[in-house]
Structure formats: structure tokens, C-alpha cells
Amino acid sequence: NTRQPGCTNVCFDHFFPVSHIRLWALQL
């Protein structure tokens, strides 16, 4: 809930450092 440039990308990288999908692919 902000329009500050870069805020959404930084928050997403913090809460999703590695995607589930990529971790599962590497695991398989």
C-alpha cells in the first residue's frame, strides 16, 4: 500500500529470498 519506487521489490525480496518453485526444482 505505497507508491514509493523500489519499496515493493525490496519487500518481496526480503519475504521471498528464494522462490518455493526454484527450491523444489533443485530438490527434485
mmCIF file of all heavy atoms, coordinates in Angstrom:
data_MODEL
# 
_entry.id   MODEL 
# 
loop_
_atom_site.group_PDB 
_atom_site.id 
_atom_site.type_symbol 
_atom_site.label_atom_id 
_atom_site.label_alt_id 
_atom_site.label_comp_id 
_atom_site.label_asym_id 
_atom_site.label_entity_id 
_atom_site.label_seq_id 
_atom_site.pdbx_PDB_ins_code 
_atom_site.Cartn_x 
_atom_site.Cartn_y 
_atom_site.Cartn_z 
_atom_site.occupancy 
_atom_site.B_iso_or_equiv 
_atom_site.pdbx_formal_charge 
_atom_site.auth_seq_id 
_atom_site.auth_comp_id 
_atom_site.auth_asym_id 
_atom_site.auth_atom_id 
_atom_site.pdbx_PDB_model_num 
ATOM 1   N N   . ASN A 1 1  ? 0.826  -1.209  0.000   1.00 0.00 ? 1  ASN A N   1 
ATOM 2   C CA  . ASN A 1 1  ? 0.000  0.000   0.000   1.00 0.00 ? 1  ASN A CA  1 
ATOM 3   C C   . ASN A 1 1  ? 0.866  1.268   0.000   1.00 0.00 ? 1  ASN A C   1 
ATOM 4   O O   . ASN A 1 1  ? 0.784  2.113   0.899   1.00 0.00 ? 1  ASN A O   1 
ATOM 5   C CB  . ASN A 1 1  ? -0.967 0.003   1.189   1.00 0.00 ? 1  ASN A CB  1 
ATOM 6   C CG  . ASN A 1 1  ? -0.248 -0.095  2.520   1.00 0.00 ? 1  ASN A CG  1 
ATOM 7   O OD1 . ASN A 1 1  ? 0.970  -0.288  2.559   1.00 0.00 ? 1  ASN A OD1 1 
ATOM 8   N ND2 . ASN A 1 1  ? -0.990 0.034   3.604   1.00 0.00 ? 1  ASN A ND2 1 
ATOM 9   N N   . THR A 1 2  ? 1.739  1.348   -0.995  1.00 0.00 ? 2  THR A N   1 
ATOM 10  C CA  . THR A 1 2  ? 2.570  2.535   -1.187  1.00 0.00 ? 2  THR A CA  1 
ATOM 11  C C   . THR A 1 2  ? 2.970  2.627   -2.663  1.00 0.00 ? 2  THR A C   1 
ATOM 12  O O   . THR A 1 2  ? 3.037  1.612   -3.344  1.00 0.00 ? 2  THR A O   1 
ATOM 13  C CB  . THR A 1 2  ? 3.840  2.483   -0.316  1.00 0.00 ? 2  THR A CB  1 
ATOM 14  O OG1 . THR A 1 2  ? 4.619  3.652   -0.546  1.00 0.00 ? 2  THR A OG1 1 
ATOM 15  C CG2 . THR A 1 2  ? 4.668  1.275   -0.654  1.00 0.00 ? 2  THR A CG2 1 
ATOM 16  N N   . ARG A 1 3  ? 3.224  3.837   -3.120  1.00 0.00 ? 3  ARG A N   1 
ATOM 17  C CA  . ARG A 1 3  ? 3.702  4.035   -4.485  1.00 0.00 ? 3  ARG A CA  1 
ATOM 18  C C   . ARG A 1 3  ? 5.177  4.419   -4.520  1.00 0.00 ? 3  ARG A C   1 
ATOM 19  O O   . ARG A 1 3  ? 5.681  4.836   -5.559  1.00 0.00 ? 3  ARG A O   1 
ATOM 20  C CB  . ARG A 1 3  ? 2.867  5.128   -5.172  1.00 0.00 ? 3  ARG A CB  1 
ATOM 21  C CG  . ARG A 1 3  ? 1.415  4.719   -5.406  1.00 0.00 ? 3  ARG A CG  1 
ATOM 22  C CD  . ARG A 1 3  ? 0.672  5.761   -6.212  1.00 0.00 ? 3  ARG A CD  1 
ATOM 23  N NE  . ARG A 1 3  ? -0.700 5.383   -6.468  1.00 0.00 ? 3  ARG A NE  1 
ATOM 24  C CZ  . ARG A 1 3  ? -1.094 4.602   -7.481  1.00 0.00 ? 3  ARG A CZ  1 
ATOM 25  N NH1 . ARG A 1 3  ? -0.188 4.139   -8.320  1.00 0.00 ? 3  ARG A NH1 1 
ATOM 26  N NH2 . ARG A 1 3  ? -2.357 4.301   -7.642  1.00 0.00 ? 3  ARG A NH2 1 
ATOM 27  N N   . GLN A 1 4  ? 5.843  4.285   -3.402  1.00 0.00 ? 4  GLN A N   1 
ATOM 28  C CA  . GLN A 1 4  ? 7.261  4.591   -3.346  1.00 0.00 ? 4  GLN A CA  1 
ATOM 29  C C   . GLN A 1 4  ? 8.038  3.659   -4.279  1.00 0.00 ? 4  GLN A C   1 
ATOM 30  O O   . GLN A 1 4  ? 7.970  2.428   -4.142  1.00 0.00 ? 4  GLN A O   1 
ATOM 31  C CB  . GLN A 1 4  ? 7.773  4.441   -1.911  1.00 0.00 ? 4  GLN A CB  1 
ATOM 32  C CG  . GLN A 1 4  ? 9.263  4.660   -1.742  1.00 0.00 ? 4  GLN A CG  1 
ATOM 33  C CD  . GLN A 1 4  ? 9.661  6.113   -1.996  1.00 0.00 ? 4  GLN A CD  1 
ATOM 34  O OE1 . GLN A 1 4  ? 8.888  7.022   -1.715  1.00 0.00 ? 4  GLN A OE1 1 
ATOM 35  N NE2 . GLN A 1 4  ? 10.856 6.316   -2.520  1.00 0.00 ? 4  GLN A NE2 1 
ATOM 36  N N   . PRO A 1 5  ? 8.791  4.173   -5.254  1.00 0.00 ? 5  PRO A N   1 
ATOM 37  C CA  . PRO A 1 5  ? 9.544  3.317   -6.176  1.00 0.00 ? 5  PRO A CA  1 
ATOM 38  C C   . PRO A 1 5  ? 10.555 2.440   -5.439  1.00 0.00 ? 5  PRO A C   1 
ATOM 39  O O   . PRO A 1 5  ? 11.304 2.915   -4.586  1.00 0.00 ? 5  PRO A O   1 
ATOM 40  C CB  . PRO A 1 5  ? 10.252 4.318   -7.105  1.00 0.00 ? 5  PRO A CB  1 
ATOM 41  C CG  . PRO A 1 5  ? 9.430  5.564   -7.011  1.00 0.00 ? 5  PRO A CG  1 
ATOM 42  C CD  . PRO A 1 5  ? 8.904  5.608   -5.607  1.00 0.00 ? 5  PRO A CD  1 
ATOM 43  N N   . GLY A 1 6  ? 10.558 1.154   -5.769  1.00 0.00 ? 6  GLY A N   1 
ATOM 44  C CA  . GLY A 1 6  ? 11.514 0.212   -5.187  1.00 0.00 ? 6  GLY A CA  1 
ATOM 45  C C   . GLY A 1 6  ? 11.053 -0.451  -3.911  1.00 0.00 ? 6  GLY A C   1 
ATOM 46  O O   . GLY A 1 6  ? 11.616 -1.473  -3.518  1.00 0.00 ? 6  GLY A O   1 
ATOM 47  N N   . CYS A 1 7  ? 10.048 0.103   -3.253  1.00 0.00 ? 7  CYS A N   1 
ATOM 48  C CA  . CYS A 1 7  ? 9.612  -0.456  -1.964  1.00 0.00 ? 7  CYS A CA  1 
ATOM 49  C C   . CYS A 1 7  ? 9.053  -1.868  -2.137  1.00 0.00 ? 7  CYS A C   1 
ATOM 50  O O   . CYS A 1 7  ? 9.405  -2.784  -1.386  1.00 0.00 ? 7  CYS A O   1 
ATOM 51  C CB  . CYS A 1 7  ? 8.567  0.457   -1.326  1.00 0.00 ? 7  CYS A CB  1 
ATOM 52  S SG  . CYS A 1 7  ? 7.926  -0.168  0.254   1.00 0.00 ? 7  CYS A SG  1 
ATOM 53  N N   . THR A 1 8  ? 8.205  -2.067  -3.127  1.00 0.00 ? 8  THR A N   1 
ATOM 54  C CA  . THR A 1 8  ? 7.586  -3.381  -3.341  1.00 0.00 ? 8  THR A CA  1 
ATOM 55  C C   . THR A 1 8  ? 8.647  -4.435  -3.657  1.00 0.00 ? 8  THR A C   1 
ATOM 56  O O   . THR A 1 8  ? 8.599  -5.560  -3.130  1.00 0.00 ? 8  THR A O   1 
ATOM 57  C CB  . THR A 1 8  ? 6.558  -3.310  -4.478  1.00 0.00 ? 8  THR A CB  1 
ATOM 58  O OG1 . THR A 1 8  ? 5.549  -2.356  -4.133  1.00 0.00 ? 8  THR A OG1 1 
ATOM 59  C CG2 . THR A 1 8  ? 5.909  -4.661  -4.714  1.00 0.00 ? 8  THR A CG2 1 
ATOM 60  N N   . ASN A 1 9  ? 9.617  -4.077  -4.499  1.00 0.00 ? 9  ASN A N   1 
ATOM 61  C CA  . ASN A 1 9  ? 10.661 -5.039  -4.866  1.00 0.00 ? 9  ASN A CA  1 
ATOM 62  C C   . ASN A 1 9  ? 11.529 -5.418  -3.673  1.00 0.00 ? 9  ASN A C   1 
ATOM 63  O O   . ASN A 1 9  ? 11.884 -6.594  -3.491  1.00 0.00 ? 9  ASN A O   1 
ATOM 64  C CB  . ASN A 1 9  ? 11.542 -4.458  -5.975  1.00 0.00 ? 9  ASN A CB  1 
ATOM 65  C CG  . ASN A 1 9  ? 10.830 -4.398  -7.307  1.00 0.00 ? 9  ASN A CG  1 
ATOM 66  O OD1 . ASN A 1 9  ? 9.892  -5.150  -7.545  1.00 0.00 ? 9  ASN A OD1 1 
ATOM 67  N ND2 . ASN A 1 9  ? 11.254 -3.496  -8.174  1.00 0.00 ? 9  ASN A ND2 1 
ATOM 68  N N   . VAL A 1 10 ? 11.856 -4.438  -2.845  1.00 0.00 ? 10 VAL A N   1 
ATOM 69  C CA  . VAL A 1 10 ? 12.687 -4.714  -1.671  1.00 0.00 ? 10 VAL A CA  1 
ATOM 70  C C   . VAL A 1 10 ? 11.942 -5.595  -0.674  1.00 0.00 ? 10 VAL A C   1 
ATOM 71  O O   . VAL A 1 10 ? 12.512 -6.556  -0.126  1.00 0.00 ? 10 VAL A O   1 
ATOM 72  C CB  . VAL A 1 10 ? 13.120 -3.383  -1.008  1.00 0.00 ? 10 VAL A CB  1 
ATOM 73  C CG1 . VAL A 1 10 ? 13.758 -3.653  0.346   1.00 0.00 ? 10 VAL A CG1 1 
ATOM 74  C CG2 . VAL A 1 10 ? 14.097 -2.629  -1.894  1.00 0.00 ? 10 VAL A CG2 1 
ATOM 75  N N   . CYS A 1 11 ? 10.677 -5.303  -0.454  1.00 0.00 ? 11 CYS A N   1 
ATOM 76  C CA  . CYS A 1 11 ? 9.883  -6.109  0.482   1.00 0.00 ? 11 CYS A CA  1 
ATOM 77  C C   . CYS A 1 11 ? 9.690  -7.531  -0.032  1.00 0.00 ? 11 CYS A C   1 
ATOM 78  O O   . CYS A 1 11 ? 9.758  -8.496  0.733   1.00 0.00 ? 11 CYS A O   1 
ATOM 79  C CB  . CYS A 1 11 ? 8.533  -5.436  0.714   1.00 0.00 ? 11 CYS A CB  1 
ATOM 80  S SG  . CYS A 1 11 ? 8.643  -3.852  1.580   1.00 0.00 ? 11 CYS A SG  1 
ATOM 81  N N   . PHE A 1 12 ? 9.449  -7.668  -1.328  1.00 0.00 ? 12 PHE A N   1 
ATOM 82  C CA  . PHE A 1 12 ? 9.280  -9.013  -1.897  1.00 0.00 ? 12 PHE A CA  1 
ATOM 83  C C   . PHE A 1 12 ? 10.563 -9.821  -1.755  1.00 0.00 ? 12 PHE A C   1 
ATOM 84  O O   . PHE A 1 12 ? 10.524 -11.013 -1.413  1.00 0.00 ? 12 PHE A O   1 
ATOM 85  C CB  . PHE A 1 12 ? 8.884  -8.900  -3.367  1.00 0.00 ? 12 PHE A CB  1 
ATOM 86  C CG  . PHE A 1 12 ? 8.685  -10.234 -4.030  1.00 0.00 ? 12 PHE A CG  1 
ATOM 87  C CD1 . PHE A 1 12 ? 7.473  -10.903 -3.919  1.00 0.00 ? 12 PHE A CD1 1 
ATOM 88  C CD2 . PHE A 1 12 ? 9.714  -10.833 -4.760  1.00 0.00 ? 12 PHE A CD2 1 
ATOM 89  C CE1 . PHE A 1 12 ? 7.289  -12.139 -4.522  1.00 0.00 ? 12 PHE A CE1 1 
ATOM 90  C CE2 . PHE A 1 12 ? 9.536  -12.065 -5.360  1.00 0.00 ? 12 PHE A CE2 1 
ATOM 91  C CZ  . PHE A 1 12 ? 8.328  -12.720 -5.247  1.00 0.00 ? 12 PHE A CZ  1 
ATOM 92  N N   . ASP A 1 13 ? 11.706 -9.203  -2.006  1.00 0.00 ? 13 ASP A N   1 
ATOM 93  C CA  . ASP A 1 13 ? 12.984 -9.906  -1.888  1.00 0.00 ? 13 ASP A CA  1 
ATOM 94  C C   . ASP A 1 13 ? 13.258 -10.301 -0.445  1.00 0.00 ? 13 ASP A C   1 
ATOM 95  O O   . ASP A 1 13 ? 13.890 -11.337 -0.191  1.00 0.00 ? 13 ASP A O   1 
ATOM 96  C CB  . ASP A 1 13 ? 14.104 -9.011  -2.417  1.00 0.00 ? 13 ASP A CB  1 
ATOM 97  C CG  . ASP A 1 13 ? 15.450 -9.710  -2.395  1.00 0.00 ? 13 ASP A CG  1 
ATOM 98  O OD1 . ASP A 1 13 ? 15.626 -10.661 -3.167  1.00 0.00 ? 13 ASP A OD1 1 
ATOM 99  O OD2 . ASP A 1 13 ? 16.322 -9.305  -1.593  1.00 0.00 ? 13 ASP A OD2 1 
ATOM 100 N N   . HIS A 1 14 ? 12.781 -9.499  0.511   1.00 0.00 ? 14 HIS A N   1 
ATOM 101 C CA  . HIS A 1 14 ? 13.001 -9.806  1.922   1.00 0.00 ? 14 HIS A CA  1 
ATOM 102 C C   . HIS A 1 14 ? 12.156 -10.994 2.366   1.00 0.00 ? 14 HIS A C   1 
ATOM 103 O O   . HIS A 1 14 ? 12.651 -11.883 3.079   1.00 0.00 ? 14 HIS A O   1 
ATOM 104 C CB  . HIS A 1 14 ? 12.675 -8.581  2.778   1.00 0.00 ? 14 HIS A CB  1 
ATOM 105 C CG  . HIS A 1 14 ? 12.786 -8.831  4.250   1.00 0.00 ? 14 HIS A CG  1 
ATOM 106 N ND1 . HIS A 1 14 ? 14.003 -8.964  4.891   1.00 0.00 ? 14 HIS A ND1 1 
ATOM 107 C CD2 . HIS A 1 14 ? 11.825 -8.963  5.212   1.00 0.00 ? 14 HIS A CD2 1 
ATOM 108 C CE1 . HIS A 1 14 ? 13.798 -9.173  6.173   1.00 0.00 ? 14 HIS A CE1 1 
ATOM 109 N NE2 . HIS A 1 14 ? 12.489 -9.187  6.407   1.00 0.00 ? 14 HIS A NE2 1 
ATOM 110 N N   . PHE A 1 15 ? 10.889 -11.021 1.974   1.00 0.00 ? 15 PHE A N   1 
ATOM 111 C CA  . PHE A 1 15 ? 9.994  -12.076 2.426   1.00 0.00 ? 15 PHE A CA  1 
ATOM 112 C C   . PHE A 1 15 ? 10.063 -13.327 1.547   1.00 0.00 ? 15 PHE A C   1 
ATOM 113 O O   . PHE A 1 15 ? 9.670  -14.405 1.982   1.00 0.00 ? 15 PHE A O   1 
ATOM 114 C CB  . PHE A 1 15 ? 8.549  -11.559 2.471   1.00 0.00 ? 15 PHE A CB  1 
ATOM 115 C CG  . PHE A 1 15 ? 8.315  -10.551 3.555   1.00 0.00 ? 15 PHE A CG  1 
ATOM 116 C CD1 . PHE A 1 15 ? 8.165  -9.212  3.255   1.00 0.00 ? 15 PHE A CD1 1 
ATOM 117 C CD2 . PHE A 1 15 ? 8.273  -10.941 4.880   1.00 0.00 ? 15 PHE A CD2 1 
ATOM 118 C CE1 . PHE A 1 15 ? 7.953  -8.267  4.256   1.00 0.00 ? 15 PHE A CE1 1 
ATOM 119 C CE2 . PHE A 1 15 ? 8.068  -10.007 5.895   1.00 0.00 ? 15 PHE A CE2 1 
ATOM 120 C CZ  . PHE A 1 15 ? 7.906  -8.665  5.575   1.00 0.00 ? 15 PHE A CZ  1 
ATOM 121 N N   . PHE A 1 16 ? 10.546 -13.210 0.314   1.00 0.00 ? 16 PHE A N   1 
ATOM 122 C CA  . PHE A 1 16 ? 10.707 -14.353 -0.588  1.00 0.00 ? 16 PHE A CA  1 
ATOM 123 C C   . PHE A 1 16 ? 12.149 -14.380 -1.115  1.00 0.00 ? 16 PHE A C   1 
ATOM 124 O O   . PHE A 1 16 ? 12.380 -14.117 -2.295  1.00 0.00 ? 16 PHE A O   1 
ATOM 125 C CB  . PHE A 1 16 ? 9.721  -14.265 -1.759  1.00 0.00 ? 16 PHE A CB  1 
ATOM 126 C CG  . PHE A 1 16 ? 8.286  -14.398 -1.365  1.00 0.00 ? 16 PHE A CG  1 
ATOM 127 C CD1 . PHE A 1 16 ? 7.538  -13.280 -1.061  1.00 0.00 ? 16 PHE A CD1 1 
ATOM 128 C CD2 . PHE A 1 16 ? 7.695  -15.653 -1.300  1.00 0.00 ? 16 PHE A CD2 1 
ATOM 129 C CE1 . PHE A 1 16 ? 6.213  -13.399 -0.704  1.00 0.00 ? 16 PHE A CE1 1 
ATOM 130 C CE2 . PHE A 1 16 ? 6.361  -15.779 -0.942  1.00 0.00 ? 16 PHE A CE2 1 
ATOM 131 C CZ  . PHE A 1 16 ? 5.615  -14.655 -0.634  1.00 0.00 ? 16 PHE A CZ  1 
ATOM 132 N N   . PRO A 1 17 ? 13.130 -14.662 -0.255  1.00 0.00 ? 17 PRO A N   1 
ATOM 133 C CA  . PRO A 1 17 ? 14.525 -14.658 -0.712  1.00 0.00 ? 17 PRO A CA  1 
ATOM 134 C C   . PRO A 1 17 ? 14.792 -15.677 -1.811  1.00 0.00 ? 17 PRO A C   1 
ATOM 135 O O   . PRO A 1 17 ? 15.593 -15.445 -2.703  1.00 0.00 ? 17 PRO A O   1 
ATOM 136 C CB  . PRO A 1 17 ? 15.322 -14.984 0.560   1.00 0.00 ? 17 PRO A CB  1 
ATOM 137 C CG  . PRO A 1 17 ? 14.343 -15.644 1.465   1.00 0.00 ? 17 PRO A CG  1 
ATOM 138 C CD  . PRO A 1 17 ? 13.012 -15.042 1.166   1.00 0.00 ? 17 PRO A CD  1 
ATOM 139 N N   . VAL A 1 18 ? 14.114 -16.839 -1.733  1.00 0.00 ? 18 VAL A N   1 
ATOM 140 C CA  . VAL A 1 18 ? 14.202 -17.863 -2.777  1.00 0.00 ? 18 VAL A CA  1 
ATOM 141 C C   . VAL A 1 18 ? 12.793 -18.392 -3.018  1.00 0.00 ? 18 VAL A C   1 
ATOM 142 O O   . VAL A 1 18 ? 12.067 -18.692 -2.063  1.00 0.00 ? 18 VAL A O   1 
ATOM 143 C CB  . VAL A 1 18 ? 15.132 -19.022 -2.388  1.00 0.00 ? 18 VAL A CB  1 
ATOM 144 C CG1 . VAL A 1 18 ? 15.245 -20.024 -3.537  1.00 0.00 ? 18 VAL A CG1 1 
ATOM 145 C CG2 . VAL A 1 18 ? 16.505 -18.517 -2.001  1.00 0.00 ? 18 VAL A CG2 1 
ATOM 146 N N   . SER A 1 19 ? 12.412 -18.511 -4.266  1.00 0.00 ? 19 SER A N   1 
ATOM 147 C CA  . SER A 1 19 ? 11.072 -18.980 -4.592  1.00 0.00 ? 19 SER A CA  1 
ATOM 148 C C   . SER A 1 19 ? 10.896 -20.451 -4.220  1.00 0.00 ? 19 SER A C   1 
ATOM 149 O O   . SER A 1 19 ? 11.829 -21.258 -4.335  1.00 0.00 ? 19 SER A O   1 
ATOM 150 C CB  . SER A 1 19 ? 10.810 -18.787 -6.087  1.00 0.00 ? 19 SER A CB  1 
ATOM 151 O OG  . SER A 1 19 ? 9.599  -19.395 -6.470  1.00 0.00 ? 19 SER A OG  1 
ATOM 152 N N   . HIS A 1 20 ? 9.687  -20.796 -3.770  1.00 0.00 ? 20 HIS A N   1 
ATOM 153 C CA  . HIS A 1 20 ? 9.360  -22.195 -3.495  1.00 0.00 ? 20 HIS A CA  1 
ATOM 154 C C   . HIS A 1 20 ? 9.641  -23.068 -4.718  1.00 0.00 ? 20 HIS A C   1 
ATOM 155 O O   . HIS A 1 20 ? 10.195 -24.165 -4.609  1.00 0.00 ? 20 HIS A O   1 
ATOM 156 C CB  . HIS A 1 20 ? 7.880  -22.324 -3.111  1.00 0.00 ? 20 HIS A CB  1 
ATOM 157 C CG  . HIS A 1 20 ? 7.552  -21.813 -1.753  1.00 0.00 ? 20 HIS A CG  1 
ATOM 158 N ND1 . HIS A 1 20 ? 7.622  -20.481 -1.418  1.00 0.00 ? 20 HIS A ND1 1 
ATOM 159 C CD2 . HIS A 1 20 ? 7.133  -22.470 -0.637  1.00 0.00 ? 20 HIS A CD2 1 
ATOM 160 C CE1 . HIS A 1 20 ? 7.257  -20.333 -0.148  1.00 0.00 ? 20 HIS A CE1 1 
ATOM 161 N NE2 . HIS A 1 20 ? 6.959  -21.512 0.351   1.00 0.00 ? 20 HIS A NE2 1 
ATOM 162 N N   . ILE A 1 21 ? 9.228  -22.583 -5.881  1.00 0.00 ? 21 ILE A N   1 
ATOM 163 C CA  . ILE A 1 21 ? 9.329  -23.359 -7.107  1.00 0.00 ? 21 ILE A CA  1 
ATOM 164 C C   . ILE A 1 21 ? 10.781 -23.696 -7.434  1.00 0.00 ? 21 ILE A C   1 
ATOM 165 O O   . ILE A 1 21 ? 11.113 -24.840 -7.792  1.00 0.00 ? 21 ILE A O   1 
ATOM 166 C CB  . ILE A 1 21 ? 8.682  -22.584 -8.276  1.00 0.00 ? 21 ILE A CB  1 
ATOM 167 C CG1 . ILE A 1 21 ? 7.163  -22.511 -8.074  1.00 0.00 ? 21 ILE A CG1 1 
ATOM 168 C CG2 . ILE A 1 21 ? 9.006  -23.231 -9.608  1.00 0.00 ? 21 ILE A CG2 1 
ATOM 169 C CD1 . ILE A 1 21 ? 6.490  -23.873 -8.058  1.00 0.00 ? 21 ILE A CD1 1 
ATOM 170 N N   . ARG A 1 22 ? 11.671 -22.717 -7.307  1.00 0.00 ? 22 ARG A N   1 
ATOM 171 C CA  . ARG A 1 22 ? 13.079 -22.969 -7.623  1.00 0.00 ? 22 ARG A CA  1 
ATOM 172 C C   . ARG A 1 22 ? 13.727 -23.905 -6.599  1.00 0.00 ? 22 ARG A C   1 
ATOM 173 O O   . ARG A 1 22 ? 14.567 -24.742 -6.963  1.00 0.00 ? 22 ARG A O   1 
ATOM 174 C CB  . ARG A 1 22 ? 13.831 -21.645 -7.702  1.00 0.00 ? 22 ARG A CB  1 
ATOM 175 C CG  . ARG A 1 22 ? 13.418 -20.805 -8.918  1.00 0.00 ? 22 ARG A CG  1 
ATOM 176 C CD  . ARG A 1 22 ? 14.098 -19.451 -8.932  1.00 0.00 ? 22 ARG A CD  1 
ATOM 177 N NE  . ARG A 1 22 ? 13.714 -18.691 -10.105 1.00 0.00 ? 22 ARG A NE  1 
ATOM 178 C CZ  . ARG A 1 22 ? 12.616 -17.948 -10.194 1.00 0.00 ? 22 ARG A CZ  1 
ATOM 179 N NH1 . ARG A 1 22 ? 11.793 -17.864 -9.150  1.00 0.00 ? 22 ARG A NH1 1 
ATOM 180 N NH2 . ARG A 1 22 ? 12.332 -17.291 -11.304 1.00 0.00 ? 22 ARG A NH2 1 
ATOM 181 N N   . LEU A 1 23 ? 13.337 -23.773 -5.346  1.00 0.00 ? 23 LEU A N   1 
ATOM 182 C CA  . LEU A 1 23 ? 13.859 -24.685 -4.331  1.00 0.00 ? 23 LEU A CA  1 
ATOM 183 C C   . LEU A 1 23 ? 13.370 -26.111 -4.580  1.00 0.00 ? 23 LEU A C   1 
ATOM 184 O O   . LEU A 1 23 ? 14.142 -27.070 -4.466  1.00 0.00 ? 23 LEU A O   1 
ATOM 185 C CB  . LEU A 1 23 ? 13.433 -24.216 -2.935  1.00 0.00 ? 23 LEU A CB  1 
ATOM 186 C CG  . LEU A 1 23 ? 14.300 -23.143 -2.273  1.00 0.00 ? 23 LEU A CG  1 
ATOM 187 C CD1 . LEU A 1 23 ? 13.697 -22.725 -0.946  1.00 0.00 ? 23 LEU A CD1 1 
ATOM 188 C CD2 . LEU A 1 23 ? 15.718 -23.647 -2.067  1.00 0.00 ? 23 LEU A CD2 1 
ATOM 189 N N   . TRP A 1 24 ? 12.091 -26.268 -4.915  1.00 0.00 ? 24 TRP A N   1 
ATOM 190 C CA  . TRP A 1 24 ? 11.560 -27.596 -5.204  1.00 0.00 ? 24 TRP A CA  1 
ATOM 191 C C   . TRP A 1 24 ? 12.222 -28.205 -6.433  1.00 0.00 ? 24 TRP A C   1 
ATOM 192 O O   . TRP A 1 24 ? 12.495 -29.395 -6.466  1.00 0.00 ? 24 TRP A O   1 
ATOM 193 C CB  . TRP A 1 24 ? 10.042 -27.533 -5.399  1.00 0.00 ? 24 TRP A CB  1 
ATOM 194 C CG  . TRP A 1 24 ? 9.292  -27.497 -4.113  1.00 0.00 ? 24 TRP A CG  1 
ATOM 195 C CD1 . TRP A 1 24 ? 9.680  -28.043 -2.923  1.00 0.00 ? 24 TRP A CD1 1 
ATOM 196 C CD2 . TRP A 1 24 ? 8.036  -26.866 -3.862  1.00 0.00 ? 24 TRP A CD2 1 
ATOM 197 N NE1 . TRP A 1 24 ? 8.728  -27.790 -1.948  1.00 0.00 ? 24 TRP A NE1 1 
ATOM 198 C CE2 . TRP A 1 24 ? 7.717  -27.077 -2.501  1.00 0.00 ? 24 TRP A CE2 1 
ATOM 199 C CE3 . TRP A 1 24 ? 7.139  -26.146 -4.659  1.00 0.00 ? 24 TRP A CE3 1 
ATOM 200 C CZ2 . TRP A 1 24 ? 6.541  -26.610 -1.931  1.00 0.00 ? 24 TRP A CZ2 1 
ATOM 201 C CZ3 . TRP A 1 24 ? 5.974  -25.680 -4.086  1.00 0.00 ? 24 TRP A CZ3 1 
ATOM 202 C CH2 . TRP A 1 24 ? 5.669  -25.904 -2.729  1.00 0.00 ? 24 TRP A CH2 1 
ATOM 203 N N   . ALA A 1 25 ? 12.457 -27.386 -7.459  1.00 0.00 ? 25 ALA A N   1 
ATOM 204 C CA  . ALA A 1 25 ? 13.119 -27.892 -8.668  1.00 0.00 ? 25 ALA A CA  1 
ATOM 205 C C   . ALA A 1 25 ? 14.524 -28.404 -8.333  1.00 0.00 ? 25 ALA A C   1 
ATOM 206 O O   . ALA A 1 25 ? 14.922 -29.501 -8.762  1.00 0.00 ? 25 ALA A O   1 
ATOM 207 C CB  . ALA A 1 25 ? 13.187 -26.798 -9.731  1.00 0.00 ? 25 ALA A CB  1 
ATOM 208 N N   . LEU A 1 26 ? 15.280 -27.618 -7.568  1.00 0.00 ? 26 LEU A N   1 
ATOM 209 C CA  . LEU A 1 26 ? 16.626 -28.044 -7.168  1.00 0.00 ? 26 LEU A CA  1 
ATOM 210 C C   . LEU A 1 26 ? 16.570 -29.302 -6.302  1.00 0.00 ? 26 LEU A C   1 
ATOM 211 O O   . LEU A 1 26 ? 17.386 -30.218 -6.453  1.00 0.00 ? 26 LEU A O   1 
ATOM 212 C CB  . LEU A 1 26 ? 17.319 -26.907 -6.417  1.00 0.00 ? 26 LEU A CB  1 
ATOM 213 C CG  . LEU A 1 26 ? 18.751 -27.160 -5.951  1.00 0.00 ? 26 LEU A CG  1 
ATOM 214 C CD1 . LEU A 1 26 ? 19.662 -27.463 -7.133  1.00 0.00 ? 26 LEU A CD1 1 
ATOM 215 C CD2 . LEU A 1 26 ? 19.283 -25.973 -5.166  1.00 0.00 ? 26 LEU A CD2 1 
ATOM 216 N N   . GLN A 1 27 ? 15.594 -29.366 -5.406  1.00 0.00 ? 27 GLN A N   1 
ATOM 217 C CA  . GLN A 1 27 ? 15.437 -30.533 -4.546  1.00 0.00 ? 27 GLN A CA  1 
ATOM 218 C C   . GLN A 1 27 ? 15.146 -31.787 -5.360  1.00 0.00 ? 27 GLN A C   1 
ATOM 219 O O   . GLN A 1 27 ? 15.742 -32.853 -5.118  1.00 0.00 ? 27 GLN A O   1 
ATOM 220 C CB  . GLN A 1 27 ? 14.318 -30.277 -3.539  1.00 0.00 ? 27 GLN A CB  1 
ATOM 221 C CG  . GLN A 1 27 ? 14.082 -31.428 -2.569  1.00 0.00 ? 27 GLN A CG  1 
ATOM 222 C CD  . GLN A 1 27 ? 12.945 -31.139 -1.612  1.00 0.00 ? 27 GLN A CD  1 
ATOM 223 O OE1 . GLN A 1 27 ? 12.268 -30.120 -1.718  1.00 0.00 ? 27 GLN A OE1 1 
ATOM 224 N NE2 . GLN A 1 27 ? 12.718 -32.033 -0.676  1.00 0.00 ? 27 GLN A NE2 1 
ATOM 225 N N   . LEU A 1 28 ? 14.233 -31.696 -6.331  1.00 0.00 ? 28 LEU A N   1 
ATOM 226 C CA  . LEU A 1 28 ? 13.885 -32.857 -7.148  1.00 0.00 ? 28 LEU A CA  1 
ATOM 227 C C   . LEU A 1 28 ? 15.071 -33.324 -7.987  1.00 0.00 ? 28 LEU A C   1 
ATOM 228 O O   . LEU A 1 28 ? 15.269 -34.526 -8.184  1.00 0.00 ? 28 LEU A O   1 
ATOM 229 C CB  . LEU A 1 28 ? 12.695 -32.515 -8.055  1.00 0.00 ? 28 LEU A CB  1 
ATOM 230 C CG  . LEU A 1 28 ? 11.342 -32.404 -7.358  1.00 0.00 ? 28 LEU A CG  1 
ATOM 231 C CD1 . LEU A 1 28 ? 10.286 -31.866 -8.314  1.00 0.00 ? 28 LEU A CD1 1 
ATOM 232 C CD2 . LEU A 1 28 ? 10.910 -33.765 -6.816  1.00 0.00 ? 28 LEU A CD2 1 
# 
